[in-house]
C-alpha atoms as a PDB file:
ATOM      1  CA  GLN A   1      12.177  25.937 -27.591  1.00  0.00           C
ATOM      2  CA  LEU A   2      15.324  24.092 -26.520  1.00  0.00           C
ATOM      3  CA  GLN A   3      15.787  21.187 -24.159  1.00  0.00           C
ATOM      4  CA  ALA A   4      19.179  20.086 -22.910  1.00  0.00           C
ATOM      5  CA  SER A   5      19.724  16.587 -21.553  1.00  0.00           C
ATOM      6  CA  GLY A   6      22.430  14.045 -20.905  1.00  0.00           C
ATOM      7  CA  GLY A   7      23.923  15.403 -17.724  1.00  0.00           C
ATOM      8  CA  GLY A   8      24.726  13.183 -14.789  1.00  0.00           C
ATOM      9  CA  LEU A   9      27.350  11.996 -12.366  1.00  0.00           C
ATOM     10  CA  VAL A  10      30.656  10.803 -13.761  1.00  0.00           C
ATOM     11  CA  GLN A  11      34.086  10.125 -12.343  1.00  0.00           C
ATOM     12  CA  THR A  12      37.118  12.181 -13.264  1.00  0.00           C
ATOM     13  CA  GLY A  13      38.323  11.049 -16.649  1.00  0.00           C
ATOM     14  CA  GLY A  14      34.895   9.856 -17.693  1.00  0.00           C
ATOM     15  CA  SER A  15      32.704  10.940 -20.584  1.00  0.00           C
ATOM     16  CA  LEU A  16      29.225  12.289 -21.143  1.00  0.00           C
ATOM     17  CA  ARG A  17      27.336  13.354 -24.219  1.00  0.00           C
ATOM     18  CA  LEU A  18      24.948  16.238 -23.849  1.00  0.00           C
ATOM     19  CA  SER A  19      22.079  16.690 -26.256  1.00  0.00           C
ATOM     20  CA  CYS A  20      20.136  19.791 -27.153  1.00  0.00           C
ATOM     21  CA  ALA A  21      16.785  19.194 -28.818  1.00  0.00           C
ATOM     22  CA  ALA A  22      14.980  21.970 -30.620  1.00  0.00           C
ATOM     23  CA  SER A  23      11.272  22.164 -31.325  1.00  0.00           C
ATOM     24  CA  GLY A  24      11.971  23.691 -34.729  1.00  0.00           C
ATOM     25  CA  SER A  25      14.614  23.790 -37.395  1.00  0.00           C
ATOM     26  CA  LEU A  26      18.131  24.739 -36.341  1.00  0.00           C
ATOM     27  CA  ASP A  27      19.415  25.275 -39.877  1.00  0.00           C
ATOM     28  CA  ARG A  28      19.639  29.047 -39.623  1.00  0.00           C
ATOM     29  CA  PHE A  29      21.038  29.253 -36.113  1.00  0.00           C
ATOM     30  CA  THR A  30      24.393  29.313 -34.444  1.00  0.00           C
ATOM     31  CA  ILE A  31      24.258  26.996 -31.429  1.00  0.00           C
ATOM     32  CA  GLY A  32      26.254  27.511 -28.278  1.00  0.00           C
ATOM     33  CA  TRP A  33      26.882  25.505 -25.145  1.00  0.00           C
ATOM     34  CA  PHE A  34      27.459  27.374 -21.912  1.00  0.00           C
ATOM     35  CA  ARG A  35      28.018  26.286 -18.367  1.00  0.00           C
ATOM     36  CA  GLN A  36      27.540  27.884 -14.993  1.00  0.00           C
ATOM     37  CA  ALA A  37      29.065  26.649 -11.781  1.00  0.00           C
ATOM     38  CA  PRO A  38      27.783  27.820  -8.375  1.00  0.00           C
ATOM     39  CA  GLY A  39      28.960  31.348  -7.634  1.00  0.00           C
ATOM     40  CA  LYS A  40      30.457  31.803 -11.096  1.00  0.00           C
ATOM     41  CA  GLU A  41      29.402  33.605 -14.228  1.00  0.00           C
ATOM     42  CA  ARG A  42      27.983  31.764 -17.194  1.00  0.00           C
ATOM     43  CA  GLU A  43      30.874  30.653 -19.379  1.00  0.00           C
ATOM     44  CA  GLY A  44      30.921  29.897 -23.077  1.00  0.00           C
ATOM     45  CA  VAL A  45      32.066  26.328 -23.675  1.00  0.00           C
ATOM     46  CA  SER A  46      31.589  25.724 -27.380  1.00  0.00           C
ATOM     47  CA  CYS A  47      29.747  26.902 -30.453  1.00  0.00           C
ATOM     48  CA  ILE A  48      28.902  25.597 -33.898  1.00  0.00           C
ATOM     49  CA  THR A  49      27.910  28.073 -36.555  1.00  0.00           C
ATOM     50  CA  LYS A  50      24.946  27.810 -38.850  1.00  0.00           C
ATOM     51  CA  ASN A  51      25.562  26.107 -42.168  1.00  0.00           C
ATOM     52  CA  GLY A  52      25.905  29.450 -43.879  1.00  0.00           C
ATOM     53  CA  GLY A  53      28.937  29.889 -41.661  1.00  0.00           C
ATOM     54  CA  ALA A  54      30.252  26.526 -42.836  1.00  0.00           C
ATOM     55  CA  GLY A  55      29.523  24.873 -39.521  1.00  0.00           C
ATOM     56  CA  ARG A  56      32.675  26.188 -37.908  1.00  0.00           C
ATOM     57  CA  THR A  57      33.314  25.177 -34.341  1.00  0.00           C
ATOM     58  CA  PHE A  58      34.743  27.135 -31.446  1.00  0.00           C
ATOM     59  CA  TYR A  59      35.889  25.998 -28.026  1.00  0.00           C
ATOM     60  CA  ALA A  60      36.942  27.545 -24.775  1.00  0.00           C
ATOM     61  CA  SER A  61      40.609  26.916 -24.140  1.00  0.00           C
ATOM     62  CA  SER A  62      39.731  24.957 -21.006  1.00  0.00           C
ATOM     63  CA  VAL A  63      37.859  22.302 -23.000  1.00  0.00           C
ATOM     64  CA  LYS A  64      39.683  22.279 -26.323  1.00  0.00           C
ATOM     65  CA  GLY A  65      40.829  18.793 -27.214  1.00  0.00           C
ATOM     66  CA  ARG A  66      38.387  17.194 -24.764  1.00  0.00           C
ATOM     67  CA  PHE A  67      34.972  18.404 -25.935  1.00  0.00           C
ATOM     68  CA  THR A  68      33.447  18.091 -29.401  1.00  0.00           C
ATOM     69  CA  ILE A  69      30.365  19.890 -30.613  1.00  0.00           C
ATOM     70  CA  SER A  70      28.300  18.602 -33.509  1.00  0.00           C
ATOM     71  CA  ARG A  71      24.904  19.173 -35.039  1.00  0.00           C
ATOM     72  CA  ASP A  72      22.361  17.059 -36.888  1.00  0.00           C
ATOM     73  CA  ASN A  73      20.041  19.463 -38.627  1.00  0.00           C
ATOM     74  CA  SER A  74      17.862  16.612 -39.920  1.00  0.00           C
ATOM     75  CA  LYS A  75      16.971  15.802 -36.294  1.00  0.00           C
ATOM     76  CA  ASN A  76      17.064  19.373 -34.957  1.00  0.00           C
ATOM     77  CA  MET A  77      19.740  18.255 -32.500  1.00  0.00           C
ATOM     78  CA  VAL A  78      23.071  19.533 -31.268  1.00  0.00           C
ATOM     79  CA  TYR A  79      25.475  17.461 -29.218  1.00  0.00           C
ATOM     80  CA  LEU A  80      28.390  18.099 -26.915  1.00  0.00           C
ATOM     81  CA  GLN A  81      30.646  15.119 -26.463  1.00  0.00           C
ATOM     82  CA  MET A  82      32.678  15.605 -23.295  1.00  0.00           C
ATOM     83  CA  ASN A  83      35.670  13.378 -22.692  1.00  0.00           C
ATOM     84  CA  ASN A  84      38.283  13.284 -19.955  1.00  0.00           C
ATOM     85  CA  LEU A  85      36.016  15.203 -17.622  1.00  0.00           C
ATOM     86  CA  LYS A  86      37.575  17.049 -14.718  1.00  0.00           C
ATOM     87  CA  PRO A  87      36.117  18.391 -11.466  1.00  0.00           C
ATOM     88  CA  GLY A  88      36.423  21.876 -12.952  1.00  0.00           C
ATOM     89  CA  ASP A  89      33.880  20.898 -15.619  1.00  0.00           C
ATOM     90  CA  MET A  90      31.177  20.457 -13.013  1.00  0.00           C
ATOM     91  CA  ALA A  91      28.350  22.889 -13.741  1.00  0.00           C
ATOM     92  CA  VAL A  92      24.889  23.272 -15.171  1.00  0.00           C
ATOM     93  CA  TYR A  93      25.200  23.175 -18.945  1.00  0.00           C
ATOM     94  CA  TYR A  94      22.925  25.168 -21.209  1.00  0.00           C
ATOM     95  CA  CYS A  95      22.401  25.242 -24.946  1.00  0.00           C
ATOM     96  CA  ALA A  96      21.359  28.395 -26.721  1.00  0.00           C
ATOM     97  CA  THR A  97      20.661  29.638 -30.227  1.00  0.00           C
ATOM     98  CA  SER A  98      21.544  32.788 -32.097  1.00  0.00           C
ATOM     99  CA  PRO A  99      20.514  33.882 -35.591  1.00  0.00           C
ATOM    100  CA  LEU A 100      23.724  35.899 -35.888  1.00  0.00           C
ATOM    101  CA  SER A 101      27.008  35.018 -37.508  1.00  0.00           C
ATOM    102  CA  VAL A 102      30.025  34.660 -35.279  1.00  0.00           C
ATOM    103  CA  ILE A 103      32.424  37.592 -35.205  1.00  0.00           C
ATOM    104  CA  LEU A 104      35.661  37.108 -33.306  1.00  0.00           C
ATOM    105  CA  SER A 105      34.760  35.835 -29.828  1.00  0.00           C
ATOM    106  CA  SER A 106      31.108  36.878 -29.919  1.00  0.00           C
ATOM    107  CA  TRP A 107      30.107  33.221 -29.653  1.00  0.00           C
ATOM    108  CA  SER A 108      31.188  33.143 -26.008  1.00  0.00           C
ATOM    109  CA  ILE A 109      29.070  36.104 -24.919  1.00  0.00           C
ATOM    110  CA  PRO A 110      25.697  35.084 -23.422  1.00  0.00           C
ATOM    111  CA  THR A 111      23.879  38.151 -24.780  1.00  0.00           C
ATOM    112  CA  TYR A 112      24.734  37.040 -28.317  1.00  0.00           C
ATOM    113  CA  TYR A 113      22.104  34.314 -27.918  1.00  0.00           C
ATOM    114  CA  GLU A 114      18.343  34.697 -27.946  1.00  0.00           C
ATOM    115  CA  THR A 115      16.877  31.381 -26.859  1.00  0.00           C
ATOM    116  CA  TRP A 116      18.091  29.197 -24.007  1.00  0.00           C
ATOM    117  CA  GLY A 117      17.344  25.683 -22.849  1.00  0.00           C
ATOM    118  CA  GLN A 118      16.684  24.848 -19.217  1.00  0.00           C
ATOM    119  CA  GLY A 119      20.092  23.357 -18.377  1.00  0.00           C
ATOM    120  CA  THR A 120      21.398  19.938 -17.445  1.00  0.00           C
ATOM    121  CA  LEU A 121      23.634  19.261 -14.454  1.00  0.00           C
ATOM    122  CA  VAL A 122      27.047  17.670 -14.899  1.00  0.00           C
ATOM    123  CA  THR A 123      28.715  16.411 -11.741  1.00  0.00           C
ATOM    124  CA  VAL A 124      32.288  15.143 -11.802  1.00  0.00           C
ATOM    125  CA  SER A 125      33.577  13.243  -8.806  1.00  0.00           C
ATOM    126  CA  SER A 126      37.258  13.275  -7.993  1.00  0.00           C
END
């Protein structure tokens, strides 16, 4: 079971850190962050591979350089640090897990993931 938190209201240029808490060990899972804005499809934001994949990170081009994903397996937590937020980042953010290794851009495909958290809303005011 996953629970995302840390969303809220922030001004353009501000920062938020999202957290994803798991009820069990995350060691063997690739973790992804997705977002979905009203009327839009769910979009892959970032991913961090399982340790067997050397903990590689992936980012959507729209967030690269502004967002940072990290994991703390000892706490069963994954984080998404979001800096320099823009109105276009406004969405419900979800974390998800996959037991699979990342191949090419598979990390950004929602069906690659098996378990999803409930989402946390990020609102960016202009």
